[in-house]
Amino acid sequence: MKPTEIRSLRESFELSQINFAQLMGVHPITVSKWERGVSPPTPYQMALLDQFQVAARIKGNRDQLKGILIGMGIAMALALLLKHLMKKI
């Protein structure tokens, strides 16, 4: 996937680099590097991007899908935070 395609994909979901990075499980700088062509996504990340491309083709459900994806990102962040806090107890 070309850098411009990654950016277009992210923008098709109306996500910031920060939100997109959360969903992809990477740092926002990583998304920036992909979009500028500085570094390519790993094969695993490419597979995730391919899944986003498939989802982007479903035009009628884009807003619903975006909400689900953002919710998943928030849930994952909370799970990681709780895991980290539990280690300190």
C-alpha atoms as a PDB file:
ATOM      1  CA  MET A   1       0.000   0.000   0.000  1.00  0.00           C
ATOM      2  CA  LYS A   2       1.360   3.393  -0.982  1.00  0.00           C
ATOM      3  CA  PRO A   3       1.743   6.227   1.556  1.00  0.00           C
ATOM      4  CA  THR A   4      -0.997   8.244  -0.158  1.00  0.00           C
ATOM      5  CA  GLU A   5      -3.336   5.250   0.051  1.00  0.00           C
ATOM      6  CA  ILE A   6      -2.729   4.921   3.778  1.00  0.00           C
ATOM      7  CA  ARG A   7      -3.549   8.578   4.305  1.00  0.00           C
ATOM      8  CA  SER A   8      -6.662   8.351   2.125  1.00  0.00           C
ATOM      9  CA  LEU A   9      -7.784   5.284   4.037  1.00  0.00           C
ATOM     10  CA  ARG A  10      -7.346   7.032   7.384  1.00  0.00           C
ATOM     11  CA  GLU A  11      -9.147  10.118   6.117  1.00  0.00           C
ATOM     12  CA  SER A  12     -12.014   8.028   4.719  1.00  0.00           C
ATOM     13  CA  PHE A  13     -12.836   7.153   8.341  1.00  0.00           C
ATOM     14  CA  GLU A  14     -12.322  10.800   9.356  1.00  0.00           C
ATOM     15  CA  LEU A  15      -9.714   9.727  11.906  1.00  0.00           C
ATOM     16  CA  SER A  16      -6.755  11.729  13.117  1.00  0.00           C
ATOM     17  CA  GLN A  17      -3.333  10.108  13.010  1.00  0.00           C
ATOM     18  CA  ILE A  18      -3.621   9.686  16.777  1.00  0.00           C
ATOM     19  CA  ASN A  19      -6.952   7.828  16.606  1.00  0.00           C
ATOM     20  CA  PHE A  20      -5.801   5.727  13.669  1.00  0.00           C
ATOM     21  CA  ALA A  21      -2.596   4.848  15.502  1.00  0.00           C
ATOM     22  CA  GLN A  22      -4.614   3.721  18.533  1.00  0.00           C
ATOM     23  CA  LEU A  23      -6.704   1.433  16.375  1.00  0.00           C
ATOM     24  CA  MET A  24      -3.619   0.037  14.672  1.00  0.00           C
ATOM     25  CA  GLY A  25      -1.764  -0.431  17.957  1.00  0.00           C
ATOM     26  CA  VAL A  26       1.119   1.838  16.971  1.00  0.00           C
ATOM     27  CA  HIS A  27       2.489   5.241  17.920  1.00  0.00           C
ATOM     28  CA  PRO A  28       1.095   8.259  16.001  1.00  0.00           C
ATOM     29  CA  ILE A  29       4.601   8.966  14.702  1.00  0.00           C
ATOM     30  CA  THR A  30       4.527   5.548  13.050  1.00  0.00           C
ATOM     31  CA  VAL A  31       1.373   6.504  11.142  1.00  0.00           C
ATOM     32  CA  SER A  32       3.045   9.755  10.118  1.00  0.00           C
ATOM     33  CA  LYS A  33       6.064   7.815   8.840  1.00  0.00           C
ATOM     34  CA  TRP A  34       3.825   5.509   6.814  1.00  0.00           C
ATOM     35  CA  GLU A  35       1.991   8.441   5.269  1.00  0.00           C
ATOM     36  CA  ARG A  36       5.229  10.230   4.392  1.00  0.00           C
ATOM     37  CA  GLY A  37       6.823   7.086   2.988  1.00  0.00           C
ATOM     38  CA  VAL A  38       9.621   7.167   5.588  1.00  0.00           C
ATOM     39  CA  SER A  39       8.990   3.595   6.727  1.00  0.00           C
ATOM     40  CA  PRO A  40       6.602   0.882   5.531  1.00  0.00           C
ATOM     41  CA  PRO A  41       4.107  -0.988   7.695  1.00  0.00           C
ATOM     42  CA  THR A  42       5.084  -4.483   8.816  1.00  0.00           C
ATOM     43  CA  PRO A  43       3.337  -7.447   7.154  1.00  0.00           C
ATOM     44  CA  TYR A  44       1.008  -7.715  10.168  1.00  0.00           C
ATOM     45  CA  GLN A  45       0.180  -4.000   9.962  1.00  0.00           C
ATOM     46  CA  MET A  46      -0.413  -4.353   6.217  1.00  0.00           C
ATOM     47  CA  ALA A  47      -2.942  -7.097   6.941  1.00  0.00           C
ATOM     48  CA  LEU A  48      -4.747  -4.737   9.339  1.00  0.00           C
ATOM     49  CA  LEU A  49      -4.665  -1.956   6.753  1.00  0.00           C
ATOM     50  CA  ASP A  50      -6.154  -4.348   4.213  1.00  0.00           C
ATOM     51  CA  GLN A  51      -9.018  -5.022   6.621  1.00  0.00           C
ATOM     52  CA  PHE A  52      -9.574  -1.270   6.967  1.00  0.00           C
ATOM     53  CA  GLN A  53      -9.706  -1.025   3.171  1.00  0.00           C
ATOM     54  CA  VAL A  54     -12.424  -3.668   3.037  1.00  0.00           C
ATOM     55  CA  ALA A  55     -14.369  -1.847   5.752  1.00  0.00           C
ATOM     56  CA  ALA A  56     -13.979   1.477   3.930  1.00  0.00           C
ATOM     57  CA  ARG A  57     -15.782   0.009   0.917  1.00  0.00           C
ATOM     58  CA  ILE A  58     -18.909  -0.451   3.023  1.00  0.00           C
ATOM     59  CA  LYS A  59     -20.165   3.081   2.516  1.00  0.00           C
ATOM     60  CA  GLY A  60     -23.527   2.852   4.282  1.00  0.00           C
ATOM     61  CA  ASN A  61     -22.079   1.585   7.540  1.00  0.00           C
ATOM     62  CA  ARG A  62     -18.984   3.790   7.749  1.00  0.00           C
ATOM     63  CA  ASP A  63     -20.166   5.933  10.689  1.00  0.00           C
ATOM     64  CA  GLN A  64     -21.324   2.892  12.631  1.00  0.00           C
ATOM     65  CA  LEU A  65     -18.070   1.080  11.898  1.00  0.00           C
ATOM     66  CA  LYS A  66     -16.033   4.126  12.911  1.00  0.00           C
ATOM     67  CA  GLY A  67     -17.830   4.237  16.255  1.00  0.00           C
ATOM     68  CA  ILE A  68     -17.189   0.554  16.852  1.00  0.00           C
ATOM     69  CA  LEU A  69     -13.498   0.868  15.965  1.00  0.00           C
ATOM     70  CA  ILE A  70     -12.988   3.875  18.213  1.00  0.00           C
ATOM     71  CA  GLY A  71     -14.837   2.084  20.998  1.00  0.00           C
ATOM     72  CA  MET A  72     -12.556  -0.921  20.564  1.00  0.00           C
ATOM     73  CA  GLY A  73      -9.541   1.359  20.775  1.00  0.00           C
ATOM     74  CA  ILE A  74     -10.819   2.900  23.996  1.00  0.00           C
ATOM     75  CA  ALA A  75     -11.622  -0.523  25.437  1.00  0.00           C
ATOM     76  CA  MET A  76      -8.133  -1.754  24.574  1.00  0.00           C
ATOM     77  CA  ALA A  77      -6.556   1.304  26.192  1.00  0.00           C
ATOM     78  CA  LEU A  78      -8.581   0.742  29.366  1.00  0.00           C
ATOM     79  CA  ALA A  79      -7.650  -2.944  29.432  1.00  0.00           C
ATOM     80  CA  LEU A  80      -3.961  -2.109  29.099  1.00  0.00           C
ATOM     81  CA  LEU A  81      -4.227   0.534  31.813  1.00  0.00           C
ATOM     82  CA  LEU A  82      -5.939  -1.896  34.185  1.00  0.00           C
ATOM     83  CA  LYS A  83      -3.344  -4.557  33.445  1.00  0.00           C
ATOM     84  CA  HIS A  84      -0.583  -2.082  34.225  1.00  0.00           C
ATOM     85  CA  LEU A  85      -2.273  -0.983  37.452  1.00  0.00           C
ATOM     86  CA  MET A  86      -2.824  -4.578  38.571  1.00  0.00           C
ATOM     87  CA  LYS A  87       0.914  -5.238  38.293  1.00  0.00           C
ATOM     88  CA  LYS A  88       1.552  -2.454  40.815  1.00  0.00           C
ATOM     89  CA  ILE A  89      -0.767  -3.951  43.431  1.00  0.00           C
END
